[in-house]
Structure formats: C-alpha cells, structure tokens
Amino acid sequence: MANYQDISIALAGVCQAVSLVQKFAHQGVAERESLSYSLQSLLVMQPESTLDVYDNQLEHLTLGFETLQALLGGKQGKLDTELGRYWVSVLALSQKLNKNTQAKSELAQRLQQLERQLSLYDGDVLHEQMIANMAGIYSDIISPLGSRIKVMGSVDFLARPDIQNRIRATLLAGIRAAILWQQVGGNRWQFLFARKKILTATQQLYASL
C-alpha cells in the first residue's frame, strides 16, 4: 500500500526544485536556504528514510510543499502551467533514468565524486564550483536521456553561465527527488486516481511545519 506522506515529501522535493528553476530563469535569484536544502539532497546517498534526504526537517521543503499544493489544486492554489510542465518533464526524465542502468551507474559514481569534492570548498554546497560540478553532471548524464526541459524566462538571465549552472544543478536535485518518488511507490496513475490522497497528505505535512 502506498505511503502518501512519503510520496508527498518526494514530490515536494521535485516541486521545490522546479520552483527554484523558475525563479532563476525569471528573476536571476532564488531563496538561498531552499536552494541549499535541495542541492544538499544530492549528497545523501544512503538515507534511512524519505525525509532523511532533507535532513529530517520538513521545514527544508516549505517552498516545495507550497508549490505542490498549488499544482494539485489545494486551497488558494492556482495551476501554473510553466511549473506544471517542468514538474511533468522532471518526472518523465527520472523514469528514463531509472530504466537506463549505465546512466544510473555513472550518476552514482559522479555523485560520490561530488561528495568528496565538498571538502575542497569548506563544505559549502553553494560554492560556485560545486554548483558548476552539479551542472556538469546534469549536462553529461541527464540531458542525453532525451526530452530536454525547455526553460522559459528572461533572455538576459538565461544567457548568464552562472544562472545556467544554477538551473542545471537544481534540475539535477529535482531528478534526485523524482527518483526518490519512484522508490517510495510513486507513479503517474496516482495523479489520476489518488490525487486527493496526495493533496491531503501534503496539506497535513504543511500544516505541521
């Protein structure tokens, strides 16, 4: 039987990532704390629970829960078609990744490498070189899987290499959350047949923040 709280936590991770992507693309900036929590999830290789991926702190996914409620049509939520497209695209890419044994193996190796590199930058996951390294992983392993995500936004921001790196690194965090979603029993049919259960679990988790 599906655990909808675990599914909601994983989906909130995806939603937090795509919301950050949208902010970078349109505004050139995003919440540093939310970004840090999302990127840190890439370094949690053997979590003991779903929430352990986010340091066992629901508060680390506040932006994600807010975005998820809006996308699912919760109270005061509104459908943002751009965010919805990113969300669906990230889930689809994660499913392609899950079926590609070689890509999964390469990703695991690169993430282990990333974990070792962290000490070179004083444990700062937001160091420009760490973000560039994460972006490189996305470009090398995720992009070739197909169905590239077309990010819309300000031409000026999207032309900047540092913004491009932030967007790719954050998309990688979204893919990580989407893989987690699959691992805890998430699937696309639930959006048709269990949407209310996911929304209810999301609202309960958000209310406990």
N, C-alpha and C. Protein backbone atom coordinates (compact mmCIF):
# COMPACT_ATOMS: atom_id res chain seq x y z
N MET A 1 0.85 -1.19 0.00
CA MET A 1 0.00 0.00 0.00
C MET A 1 0.89 1.25 0.00
N ALA A 2 0.53 2.21 -0.84
CA ALA A 2 1.34 3.42 -0.98
C ALA A 2 1.31 4.26 0.30
N ASN A 3 2.47 4.79 0.65
CA ASN A 3 2.57 5.71 1.77
C ASN A 3 2.54 7.13 1.18
N TYR A 4 1.39 7.77 1.29
CA TYR A 4 1.23 9.06 0.61
C TYR A 4 2.01 10.19 1.27
N GLN A 5 2.39 10.01 2.53
CA GLN A 5 3.25 11.04 3.15
C GLN A 5 4.64 11.00 2.52
N ASP A 6 5.18 9.79 2.33
CA ASP A 6 6.48 9.66 1.68
C ASP A 6 6.42 10.17 0.24
N ILE A 7 5.34 9.83 -0.45
CA ILE A 7 5.16 10.28 -1.83
C ILE A 7 5.09 11.81 -1.88
N SER A 8 4.38 12.40 -0.93
CA SER A 8 4.25 13.86 -0.88
C SER A 8 5.59 14.54 -0.60
N ILE A 9 6.38 13.95 0.29
CA ILE A 9 7.71 14.51 0.60
C ILE A 9 8.59 14.51 -0.65
N ALA A 10 8.58 13.38 -1.35
CA ALA A 10 9.40 13.28 -2.57
C ALA A 10 8.92 14.26 -3.64
N LEU A 11 7.60 14.37 -3.81
CA LEU A 11 7.05 15.30 -4.79
C LEU A 11 7.33 16.75 -4.40
N ALA A 12 7.33 17.03 -3.11
CA ALA A 12 7.68 18.38 -2.64
C ALA A 12 9.13 18.70 -3.01
N GLY A 13 9.98 17.67 -2.96
CA GLY A 13 11.37 17.86 -3.38
C GLY A 13 11.46 18.24 -4.85
N VAL A 14 10.65 17.57 -5.68
CA VAL A 14 10.61 17.89 -7.11
C VAL A 14 10.10 19.32 -7.30
N CYS A 15 9.00 19.63 -6.62
CA CYS A 15 8.36 20.94 -6.77
C CYS A 15 9.26 22.08 -6.29
N GLN A 16 10.00 21.84 -5.23
CA GLN A 16 10.92 22.87 -4.74
C GLN A 16 11.97 23.17 -5.81
N ALA A 17 12.47 22.12 -6.42
CA ALA A 17 13.49 22.29 -7.46
C ALA A 17 12.95 23.07 -8.66
N VAL A 18 11.77 22.70 -9.15
CA VAL A 18 11.25 23.38 -10.35
C VAL A 18 10.85 24.82 -10.04
N SER A 19 10.42 25.08 -8.81
CA SER A 19 10.10 26.45 -8.42
C SER A 19 11.37 27.30 -8.40
N LEU A 20 12.47 26.74 -7.91
CA LEU A 20 13.75 27.45 -7.90
C LEU A 20 14.22 27.72 -9.33
N VAL A 21 14.05 26.74 -10.20
CA VAL A 21 14.42 26.90 -11.62
C VAL A 21 13.67 28.09 -12.22
N GLN A 22 12.37 28.14 -11.96
CA GLN A 22 11.55 29.23 -12.49
C GLN A 22 12.02 30.59 -11.97
N LYS A 23 12.35 30.65 -10.69
CA LYS A 23 12.82 31.91 -10.10
C LYS A 23 14.14 32.36 -10.72
N PHE A 24 15.07 31.42 -10.89
CA PHE A 24 16.34 31.77 -11.52
C PHE A 24 16.13 32.28 -12.94
N ALA A 25 15.24 31.62 -13.68
CA ALA A 25 15.02 31.97 -15.08
C ALA A 25 14.36 33.34 -15.25
N HIS A 26 13.46 33.68 -14.35
CA HIS A 26 12.71 34.94 -14.48
C HIS A 26 13.30 36.09 -13.67
N GLN A 27 13.93 35.77 -12.53
CA GLN A 27 14.39 36.82 -11.62
C GLN A 27 15.91 36.85 -11.44
N GLY A 28 16.57 35.75 -11.81
CA GLY A 28 18.02 35.68 -11.65
C GLY A 28 18.47 35.34 -10.24
N VAL A 29 17.51 35.23 -9.32
CA VAL A 29 17.83 34.88 -7.93
C VAL A 29 16.75 33.95 -7.39
N ALA A 30 17.09 33.27 -6.29
CA ALA A 30 16.12 32.41 -5.60
C ALA A 30 16.57 32.29 -4.15
N GLU A 31 15.69 31.78 -3.30
CA GLU A 31 15.99 31.66 -1.87
C GLU A 31 17.21 30.77 -1.64
N ARG A 32 18.24 31.34 -1.02
CA ARG A 32 19.48 30.58 -0.79
C ARG A 32 19.24 29.35 0.08
N GLU A 33 18.41 29.49 1.10
CA GLU A 33 18.18 28.35 2.00
C GLU A 33 17.51 27.20 1.26
N SER A 34 16.47 27.50 0.51
CA SER A 34 15.76 26.46 -0.24
C SER A 34 16.70 25.80 -1.25
N LEU A 35 17.52 26.62 -1.90
CA LEU A 35 18.48 26.09 -2.87
C LEU A 35 19.48 25.18 -2.17
N SER A 36 19.98 25.61 -1.03
CA SER A 36 20.94 24.82 -0.28
C SER A 36 20.36 23.46 0.12
N TYR A 37 19.13 23.46 0.61
CA TYR A 37 18.49 22.21 1.03
C TYR A 37 18.31 21.26 -0.16
N SER A 38 17.92 21.82 -1.30
CA SER A 38 17.71 20.98 -2.48
C SER A 38 19.03 20.39 -2.97
N LEU A 39 20.07 21.21 -3.04
CA LEU A 39 21.36 20.73 -3.54
C LEU A 39 22.01 19.75 -2.56
N GLN A 40 21.83 19.97 -1.27
CA GLN A 40 22.38 19.05 -0.27
C GLN A 40 21.79 17.65 -0.41
N SER A 41 20.58 17.57 -0.92
CA SER A 41 19.93 16.25 -1.07
C SER A 41 20.70 15.36 -2.04
N LEU A 42 21.48 15.97 -2.93
CA LEU A 42 22.26 15.20 -3.90
C LEU A 42 23.39 14.42 -3.22
N LEU A 43 23.75 14.84 -2.01
CA LEU A 43 24.88 14.22 -1.31
C LEU A 43 24.43 13.17 -0.30
N VAL A 44 23.12 12.96 -0.19
CA VAL A 44 22.60 11.94 0.74
C VAL A 44 22.44 10.65 -0.05
N MET A 45 23.44 9.80 0.06
CA MET A 45 23.49 8.60 -0.78
C MET A 45 22.71 7.42 -0.21
N GLN A 46 22.68 7.31 1.12
CA GLN A 46 22.00 6.17 1.74
C GLN A 46 21.08 6.65 2.85
N PRO A 47 19.97 7.26 2.49
CA PRO A 47 19.04 7.79 3.50
C PRO A 47 18.36 6.67 4.28
N GLU A 48 18.10 6.93 5.55
CA GLU A 48 17.41 5.94 6.38
C GLU A 48 15.90 6.05 6.25
N SER A 49 15.45 7.17 5.72
CA SER A 49 14.01 7.38 5.50
C SER A 49 13.86 8.40 4.37
N THR A 50 12.64 8.60 3.92
CA THR A 50 12.40 9.57 2.85
C THR A 50 12.80 10.97 3.30
N LEU A 51 12.39 11.35 4.50
CA LEU A 51 12.68 12.70 4.99
C LEU A 51 14.17 12.90 5.28
N ASP A 52 14.89 11.81 5.50
CA ASP A 52 16.33 11.87 5.77
C ASP A 52 17.08 12.53 4.61
N VAL A 53 16.52 12.43 3.41
CA VAL A 53 17.12 13.07 2.24
C VAL A 53 17.18 14.58 2.44
N TYR A 54 16.26 15.10 3.25
CA TYR A 54 16.20 16.54 3.53
C TYR A 54 16.51 16.82 5.00
N ASP A 55 17.47 16.05 5.52
CA ASP A 55 17.99 16.27 6.88
C ASP A 55 16.92 16.11 7.95
N ASN A 56 15.91 15.29 7.65
CA ASN A 56 14.81 15.02 8.60
C ASN A 56 14.09 16.28 9.05
N GLN A 57 14.06 17.27 8.20
CA GLN A 57 13.41 18.54 8.53
C GLN A 57 12.36 18.87 7.46
N LEU A 58 11.08 18.78 7.82
CA LEU A 58 10.03 19.14 6.88
C LEU A 58 10.18 20.60 6.44
N GLU A 59 10.67 21.45 7.35
CA GLU A 59 10.83 22.88 7.04
C GLU A 59 11.74 23.12 5.85
N HIS A 60 12.62 22.16 5.57
CA HIS A 60 13.54 22.32 4.45
C HIS A 60 12.81 22.23 3.11
N LEU A 61 11.55 21.80 3.16
CA LEU A 61 10.76 21.66 1.93
C LEU A 61 9.56 22.60 1.91
N THR A 62 9.63 23.67 2.68
CA THR A 62 8.49 24.60 2.75
C THR A 62 8.08 25.09 1.36
N LEU A 63 9.03 25.56 0.58
CA LEU A 63 8.73 26.04 -0.78
C LEU A 63 8.14 24.92 -1.62
N GLY A 64 8.67 23.71 -1.46
CA GLY A 64 8.17 22.57 -2.22
C GLY A 64 6.74 22.21 -1.89
N PHE A 65 6.40 22.23 -0.60
CA PHE A 65 5.02 21.92 -0.20
C PHE A 65 4.05 22.99 -0.71
N GLU A 66 4.46 24.24 -0.66
CA GLU A 66 3.60 25.32 -1.15
C GLU A 66 3.36 25.17 -2.65
N THR A 67 4.42 24.84 -3.37
CA THR A 67 4.31 24.67 -4.83
C THR A 67 3.46 23.45 -5.17
N LEU A 68 3.67 22.36 -4.43
CA LEU A 68 2.92 21.13 -4.68
C LEU A 68 1.43 21.34 -4.45
N GLN A 69 1.07 22.04 -3.38
CA GLN A 69 -0.34 22.31 -3.12
C GLN A 69 -0.96 23.13 -4.25
N ALA A 70 -0.22 24.10 -4.76
CA ALA A 70 -0.73 24.92 -5.86
C ALA A 70 -0.94 24.07 -7.11
N LEU A 71 0.01 23.19 -7.40
CA LEU A 71 -0.09 22.36 -8.60
C LEU A 71 -1.20 21.31 -8.49
N LEU A 72 -1.45 20.85 -7.28
CA LEU A 72 -2.50 19.84 -7.09
C LEU A 72 -3.88 20.48 -6.94
N GLY A 73 -3.91 21.81 -6.84
CA GLY A 73 -5.21 22.48 -6.74
C GLY A 73 -5.74 22.59 -5.34
N GLY A 74 -4.83 22.75 -4.38
CA GLY A 74 -5.28 22.91 -3.00
C GLY A 74 -5.85 24.29 -2.76
N LYS A 75 -6.28 24.56 -1.55
CA LYS A 75 -6.86 25.86 -1.21
C LYS A 75 -5.89 26.98 -1.56
N GLN A 76 -6.43 27.99 -2.19
CA GLN A 76 -5.67 29.18 -2.59
C GLN A 76 -4.56 28.84 -3.58
N GLY A 77 -4.57 27.64 -4.08
CA GLY A 77 -3.56 27.27 -5.07
C GLY A 77 -4.07 27.58 -6.47
N LYS A 78 -3.15 27.82 -7.38
CA LYS A 78 -3.54 28.04 -8.77
C LYS A 78 -2.57 27.29 -9.66
N LEU A 79 -3.08 26.77 -10.75
CA LEU A 79 -2.24 26.00 -11.65
C LEU A 79 -1.30 26.94 -12.40
N ASP A 80 -0.02 26.72 -12.25
CA ASP A 80 0.99 27.45 -13.00
C ASP A 80 1.45 26.51 -14.11
N THR A 81 1.04 26.80 -15.34
CA THR A 81 1.31 25.85 -16.43
C THR A 81 2.80 25.66 -16.68
N GLU A 82 3.58 26.71 -16.48
CA GLU A 82 5.03 26.60 -16.68
C GLU A 82 5.64 25.65 -15.65
N LEU A 83 5.29 25.86 -14.38
CA LEU A 83 5.78 24.96 -13.32
C LEU A 83 5.30 23.54 -13.55
N GLY A 84 4.04 23.41 -13.96
CA GLY A 84 3.47 22.09 -14.22
C GLY A 84 4.23 21.36 -15.31
N ARG A 85 4.63 22.10 -16.34
CA ARG A 85 5.39 21.49 -17.44
C ARG A 85 6.76 21.03 -16.95
N TYR A 86 7.42 21.86 -16.15
CA TYR A 86 8.73 21.45 -15.60
C TYR A 86 8.58 20.21 -14.73
N TRP A 87 7.54 20.22 -13.91
CA TRP A 87 7.29 19.11 -12.97
C TRP A 87 7.12 17.80 -13.72
N VAL A 88 6.24 17.81 -14.71
CA VAL A 88 5.97 16.60 -15.51
C VAL A 88 7.24 16.16 -16.24
N SER A 89 8.00 17.12 -16.76
CA SER A 89 9.22 16.80 -17.51
C SER A 89 10.28 16.16 -16.62
N VAL A 90 10.41 16.66 -15.40
CA VAL A 90 11.39 16.09 -14.46
C VAL A 90 11.00 14.66 -14.10
N LEU A 91 9.71 14.43 -13.84
CA LEU A 91 9.25 13.08 -13.52
C LEU A 91 9.51 12.14 -14.70
N ALA A 92 9.24 12.61 -15.92
CA ALA A 92 9.45 11.78 -17.11
C ALA A 92 10.93 11.46 -17.30
N LEU A 93 11.79 12.45 -17.11
CA LEU A 93 13.23 12.22 -17.26
C LEU A 93 13.74 11.23 -16.21
N SER A 94 13.20 11.33 -15.01
CA SER A 94 13.64 10.42 -13.94
C SER A 94 13.26 8.98 -14.27
N GLN A 95 12.12 8.81 -14.93
CA GLN A 95 11.70 7.46 -15.32
C GLN A 95 12.60 6.90 -16.41
N LYS A 96 13.06 7.78 -17.31
CA LYS A 96 14.02 7.34 -18.33
C LYS A 96 15.33 6.95 -17.68
N LEU A 97 15.75 7.75 -16.71
CA LEU A 97 16.99 7.45 -15.99
C LEU A 97 16.88 6.11 -15.27
N ASN A 98 15.76 5.86 -14.66
CA ASN A 98 15.56 4.64 -13.89
C ASN A 98 15.65 3.39 -14.75
N LYS A 99 15.36 3.54 -16.04
CA LYS A 99 15.41 2.39 -16.96
C LYS A 99 16.78 2.24 -17.62
N ASN A 100 17.67 3.19 -17.38
CA ASN A 100 18.98 3.18 -18.02
C ASN A 100 20.05 2.82 -16.99
N THR A 101 20.41 1.55 -16.96
CA THR A 101 21.35 1.05 -15.95
C THR A 101 22.69 1.75 -16.01
N GLN A 102 23.20 1.97 -17.21
CA GLN A 102 24.51 2.61 -17.36
C GLN A 102 24.48 4.05 -16.84
N ALA A 103 23.43 4.78 -17.19
CA ALA A 103 23.32 6.17 -16.74
C ALA A 103 23.20 6.24 -15.22
N LYS A 104 22.44 5.30 -14.64
CA LYS A 104 22.29 5.28 -13.18
C LYS A 104 23.63 5.01 -12.49
N SER A 105 24.39 4.09 -13.07
CA SER A 105 25.70 3.75 -12.50
C SER A 105 26.65 4.95 -12.59
N GLU A 106 26.65 5.62 -13.74
CA GLU A 106 27.50 6.80 -13.93
C GLU A 106 27.10 7.91 -12.96
N LEU A 107 25.79 8.08 -12.79
CA LEU A 107 25.29 9.12 -11.89
C LEU A 107 25.75 8.85 -10.45
N ALA A 108 25.64 7.60 -10.02
CA ALA A 108 26.06 7.24 -8.66
C ALA A 108 27.55 7.55 -8.46
N GLN A 109 28.36 7.22 -9.46
CA GLN A 109 29.80 7.48 -9.36
C GLN A 109 30.10 8.98 -9.28
N ARG A 110 29.41 9.74 -10.12
CA ARG A 110 29.64 11.19 -10.15
C ARG A 110 29.17 11.86 -8.85
N LEU A 111 28.09 11.36 -8.28
CA LEU A 111 27.60 11.94 -7.02
C LEU A 111 28.54 11.62 -5.86
N GLN A 112 29.14 10.42 -5.90
CA GLN A 112 30.14 10.07 -4.88
C GLN A 112 31.36 10.99 -5.00
N GLN A 113 31.72 11.26 -6.24
CA GLN A 113 32.82 12.19 -6.53
C GLN A 113 32.50 13.58 -5.97
N LEU A 114 31.26 13.98 -6.20
CA LEU A 114 30.78 15.29 -5.74
C LEU A 114 30.88 15.40 -4.22
N GLU A 115 30.53 14.32 -3.55
CA GLU A 115 30.59 14.30 -2.09
C GLU A 115 32.02 14.51 -1.60
N ARG A 116 32.97 13.88 -2.30
CA ARG A 116 34.38 14.02 -1.93
C ARG A 116 34.88 15.45 -2.20
N GLN A 117 34.36 16.05 -3.26
CA GLN A 117 34.80 17.40 -3.63
C GLN A 117 34.34 18.46 -2.63
N LEU A 118 33.27 18.17 -1.90
CA LEU A 118 32.69 19.15 -0.99
C LEU A 118 33.72 19.68 0.01
N SER A 119 34.60 18.80 0.48
CA SER A 119 35.59 19.22 1.49
C SER A 119 36.57 20.25 0.92
N LEU A 120 36.74 20.25 -0.39
CA LEU A 120 37.65 21.22 -1.03
C LEU A 120 37.10 22.64 -0.95
N TYR A 121 35.79 22.72 -0.74
CA TYR A 121 35.12 24.03 -0.73
C TYR A 121 34.50 24.31 0.64
N ASP A 122 35.19 23.82 1.68
CA ASP A 122 34.78 24.08 3.08
C ASP A 122 33.34 23.66 3.36
N GLY A 123 32.90 22.59 2.70
CA GLY A 123 31.56 22.07 2.96
C GLY A 123 30.45 22.97 2.44
N ASP A 124 30.79 23.93 1.58
CA ASP A 124 29.79 24.88 1.07
C ASP A 124 29.17 24.35 -0.22
N VAL A 125 27.94 23.84 -0.09
CA VAL A 125 27.27 23.27 -1.25
C VAL A 125 26.90 24.35 -2.27
N LEU A 126 26.90 25.62 -1.84
CA LEU A 126 26.56 26.72 -2.74
C LEU A 126 27.79 27.39 -3.36
N HIS A 127 28.96 26.81 -3.13
CA HIS A 127 30.17 27.33 -3.78
C HIS A 127 29.99 27.25 -5.29
N GLU A 128 30.45 28.29 -6.00
CA GLU A 128 30.24 28.34 -7.45
C GLU A 128 30.77 27.09 -8.16
N GLN A 129 31.91 26.58 -7.71
CA GLN A 129 32.48 25.41 -8.38
C GLN A 129 31.66 24.15 -8.09
N MET A 130 31.12 24.04 -6.88
CA MET A 130 30.25 22.90 -6.57
C MET A 130 29.01 22.93 -7.46
N ILE A 131 28.42 24.12 -7.60
CA ILE A 131 27.23 24.25 -8.45
C ILE A 131 27.58 23.92 -9.90
N ALA A 132 28.75 24.38 -10.35
CA ALA A 132 29.20 24.08 -11.71
C ALA A 132 29.40 22.58 -11.90
N ASN A 133 29.94 21.91 -10.88
CA ASN A 133 30.14 20.46 -10.96
C ASN A 133 28.80 19.72 -11.05
N MET A 134 27.82 20.17 -10.27
CA MET A 134 26.48 19.57 -10.34
C MET A 134 25.86 19.79 -11.72
N ALA A 135 26.03 21.00 -12.24
CA ALA A 135 25.50 21.31 -13.57
C ALA A 135 26.14 20.41 -14.62
N GLY A 136 27.44 20.15 -14.44
CA GLY A 136 28.14 19.27 -15.37
C GLY A 136 27.58 17.85 -15.36
N ILE A 137 27.23 17.38 -14.18
CA ILE A 137 26.62 16.04 -14.06
C ILE A 137 25.30 16.00 -14.83
N TYR A 138 24.51 17.06 -14.66
CA TYR A 138 23.22 17.12 -15.37
C TYR A 138 23.45 17.10 -16.89
N SER A 139 24.38 17.92 -17.36
CA SER A 139 24.65 18.01 -18.80
C SER A 139 25.18 16.69 -19.36
N ASP A 140 26.06 16.04 -18.61
CA ASP A 140 26.71 14.82 -19.10
C ASP A 140 25.82 13.59 -19.04
N ILE A 141 24.97 13.49 -18.03
CA ILE A 141 24.22 12.25 -17.80
C ILE A 141 22.72 12.38 -18.04
N ILE A 142 22.12 13.47 -17.58
CA ILE A 142 20.67 13.60 -17.68
C ILE A 142 20.23 14.11 -19.06
N SER A 143 20.88 15.16 -19.55
CA SER A 143 20.49 15.75 -20.84
C SER A 143 20.46 14.74 -21.99
N PRO A 144 21.47 13.85 -22.10
CA PRO A 144 21.46 12.90 -23.22
C PRO A 144 20.31 11.88 -23.18
N LEU A 145 19.59 11.81 -22.07
CA LEU A 145 18.48 10.85 -21.97
C LEU A 145 17.32 11.25 -22.88
N GLY A 146 17.32 12.49 -23.34
CA GLY A 146 16.25 12.96 -24.23
C GLY A 146 15.22 13.78 -23.50
N SER A 147 14.23 14.28 -24.24
CA SER A 147 13.15 15.11 -23.67
C SER A 147 13.73 16.25 -22.86
N ARG A 148 14.58 17.04 -23.48
CA ARG A 148 15.21 18.15 -22.77
C ARG A 148 14.15 19.12 -22.25
N ILE A 149 14.40 19.65 -21.09
CA ILE A 149 13.46 20.59 -20.47
C ILE A 149 13.76 21.99 -20.99
N LYS A 150 12.79 22.57 -21.67
CA LYS A 150 12.97 23.93 -22.21
C LYS A 150 12.56 24.93 -21.14
N VAL A 151 13.54 25.62 -20.60
CA VAL A 151 13.29 26.59 -19.53
C VAL A 151 12.98 27.96 -20.13
N MET A 152 11.87 28.54 -19.71
CA MET A 152 11.45 29.85 -20.19
C MET A 152 11.83 30.92 -19.16
N GLY A 153 12.14 32.11 -19.64
CA GLY A 153 12.47 33.18 -18.71
C GLY A 153 13.10 34.37 -19.41
N SER A 154 13.80 35.18 -18.64
CA SER A 154 14.47 36.37 -19.17
C SER A 154 15.69 35.96 -19.99
N VAL A 155 15.77 36.47 -21.21
CA VAL A 155 16.91 36.16 -22.08
C VAL A 155 18.22 36.57 -21.41
N ASP A 156 18.20 37.71 -20.73
CA ASP A 156 19.42 38.20 -20.07
C ASP A 156 19.91 37.24 -18.99
N PHE A 157 18.98 36.74 -18.19
CA PHE A 157 19.37 35.80 -17.13
C PHE A 157 19.79 34.45 -17.72
N LEU A 158 19.02 33.97 -18.68
CA LEU A 158 19.30 32.64 -19.25
C LEU A 158 20.62 32.60 -20.02
N ALA A 159 21.12 33.76 -20.41
CA ALA A 159 22.39 33.81 -21.15
C ALA A 159 23.60 33.76 -20.21
N ARG A 160 23.37 33.97 -18.92
CA ARG A 160 24.47 34.00 -17.96
C ARG A 160 24.91 32.59 -17.57
N PRO A 161 26.20 32.27 -17.69
CA PRO A 161 26.69 30.94 -17.33
C PRO A 161 26.38 30.55 -15.88
N ASP A 162 26.45 31.52 -14.94
CA ASP A 162 26.18 31.18 -13.54
C ASP A 162 24.71 30.80 -13.33
N ILE A 163 23.81 31.46 -14.06
CA ILE A 163 22.39 31.11 -13.96
C ILE A 163 22.14 29.76 -14.63
N GLN A 164 22.78 29.53 -15.76
CA GLN A 164 22.66 28.23 -16.44
C GLN A 164 23.09 27.10 -15.50
N ASN A 165 24.20 27.32 -14.80
CA ASN A 165 24.69 26.31 -13.85
C ASN A 165 23.69 26.08 -12.72
N ARG A 166 23.13 27.16 -12.19
CA ARG A 166 22.15 27.03 -11.10
C ARG A 166 20.91 26.26 -11.56
N ILE A 167 20.47 26.55 -12.76
CA ILE A 167 19.29 25.88 -13.28
C ILE A 167 19.55 24.38 -13.46
N ARG A 168 20.70 24.05 -14.05
CA ARG A 168 21.01 22.63 -14.28
C ARG A 168 21.24 21.89 -12.96
N ALA A 169 21.93 22.52 -12.03
CA ALA A 169 22.17 21.89 -10.72
C ALA A 169 20.85 21.65 -10.00
N THR A 170 19.95 22.63 -10.08
CA THR A 170 18.66 22.50 -9.40
C THR A 170 17.79 21.45 -10.08
N LEU A 171 17.86 21.37 -11.40
CA LEU A 171 17.13 20.31 -12.11
C LEU A 171 17.66 18.94 -11.70
N LEU A 172 18.97 18.84 -11.47
CA LEU A 172 19.54 17.57 -11.01
C LEU A 172 18.96 17.19 -9.65
N ALA A 173 18.79 18.18 -8.77
CA ALA A 173 18.17 17.92 -7.47
C ALA A 173 16.72 17.49 -7.65
N GLY A 174 16.05 18.05 -8.66
CA GLY A 174 14.68 17.64 -8.96
C GLY A 174 14.62 16.19 -9.43
N ILE A 175 15.58 15.81 -10.25
CA ILE A 175 15.66 14.42 -10.72
C ILE A 175 15.90 13.48 -9.54
N ARG A 176 16.76 13.90 -8.62
CA ARG A 176 17.03 13.08 -7.43
C ARG A 176 15.75 12.85 -6.64
N ALA A 177 14.96 13.91 -6.47
CA ALA A 177 13.69 13.80 -5.74
C ALA A 177 12.70 12.92 -6.50
N ALA A 178 12.73 13.01 -7.83
CA ALA A 178 11.81 12.21 -8.65
C ALA A 178 12.17 10.73 -8.60
N ILE A 179 13.46 10.43 -8.50
CA ILE A 179 13.88 9.04 -8.31
C ILE A 179 13.39 8.54 -6.96
N LEU A 180 13.52 9.40 -5.95
CA LEU A 180 13.02 9.07 -4.61
C LEU A 180 11.51 8.79 -4.67
N TRP A 181 10.79 9.61 -5.41
CA TRP A 181 9.34 9.43 -5.59
C TRP A 181 9.03 8.04 -6.13
N GLN A 182 9.80 7.58 -7.11
CA GLN A 182 9.59 6.24 -7.65
C GLN A 182 9.94 5.17 -6.61
N GLN A 183 11.01 5.41 -5.86
CA GLN A 183 11.46 4.43 -4.87
C GLN A 183 10.44 4.21 -3.75
N VAL A 184 9.67 5.25 -3.42
CA VAL A 184 8.68 5.11 -2.34
C VAL A 184 7.30 4.72 -2.87
N GLY A 185 7.24 4.35 -4.14
CA GLY A 185 5.98 3.83 -4.69
C GLY A 185 5.16 4.82 -5.49
N GLY A 186 5.77 5.95 -5.84
CA GLY A 186 5.06 6.95 -6.63
C GLY A 186 4.96 6.53 -8.09
N ASN A 187 3.81 6.81 -8.70
CA ASN A 187 3.65 6.58 -10.13
C ASN A 187 2.61 7.55 -10.69
N ARG A 188 2.60 7.69 -12.00
CA ARG A 188 1.75 8.70 -12.63
C ARG A 188 0.26 8.42 -12.48
N TRP A 189 -0.10 7.15 -12.36
CA TRP A 189 -1.52 6.82 -12.20
C TRP A 189 -2.12 7.47 -10.96
N GLN A 190 -1.27 7.68 -9.96
CA GLN A 190 -1.77 8.27 -8.71
C GLN A 190 -2.29 9.69 -8.91
N PHE A 191 -1.78 10.39 -9.93
CA PHE A 191 -2.27 11.75 -10.19
C PHE A 191 -3.70 11.72 -10.71
N LEU A 192 -4.10 10.58 -11.27
CA LEU A 192 -5.48 10.42 -11.75
C LEU A 192 -6.37 9.84 -10.68
N PHE A 193 -5.88 8.80 -10.00
CA PHE A 193 -6.74 8.04 -9.10
C PHE A 193 -6.51 8.29 -7.60
N ALA A 194 -5.43 8.97 -7.26
CA ALA A 194 -5.16 9.21 -5.83
C ALA A 194 -4.72 10.65 -5.58
N ARG A 195 -5.12 11.54 -6.47
CA ARG A 195 -4.72 12.95 -6.35
C ARG A 195 -5.13 13.53 -5.00
N LYS A 196 -6.37 13.23 -4.59
CA LYS A 196 -6.89 13.78 -3.32
C LYS A 196 -6.07 13.26 -2.14
N LYS A 197 -5.65 12.00 -2.20
CA LYS A 197 -4.84 11.43 -1.10
C LYS A 197 -3.48 12.13 -1.02
N ILE A 198 -2.90 12.41 -2.18
CA ILE A 198 -1.61 13.10 -2.19
C ILE A 198 -1.78 14.52 -1.66
N LEU A 199 -2.85 15.20 -2.10
CA LEU A 199 -3.10 16.57 -1.65
C LEU A 199 -3.35 16.61 -0.14
N THR A 200 -4.15 15.66 0.36
CA THR A 200 -4.44 15.62 1.80
C THR A 200 -3.16 15.41 2.61
N ALA A 201 -2.33 14.47 2.16
CA ALA A 201 -1.05 14.21 2.86
C ALA A 201 -0.17 15.45 2.82
N THR A 202 -0.16 16.13 1.68
CA THR A 202 0.65 17.35 1.53
C THR A 202 0.16 18.44 2.48
N GLN A 203 -1.15 18.63 2.55
CA GLN A 203 -1.72 19.65 3.43
C GLN A 203 -1.42 19.35 4.90
N GLN A 204 -1.49 18.06 5.26
CA GLN A 204 -1.20 17.67 6.64
C GLN A 204 0.27 17.94 6.99
N LEU A 205 1.15 17.60 6.08
CA LEU A 205 2.58 17.83 6.32
C LEU A 205 2.88 19.33 6.40
N TYR A 206 2.27 20.09 5.52
CA TYR A 206 2.50 21.54 5.50
C TYR A 206 1.96 22.19 6.78
N ALA A 207 0.83 21.69 7.25
CA ALA A 207 0.23 22.24 8.48
C ALA A 207 1.10 21.98 9.70
N SER A 208 1.95 20.95 9.62
CA SER A 208 2.79 20.60 10.77
C SER A 208 4.12 21.37 10.79
N LEU A 209 4.35 22.19 9.79
CA LEU A 209 5.61 22.95 9.73
C LEU A 209 5.72 23.93 10.90
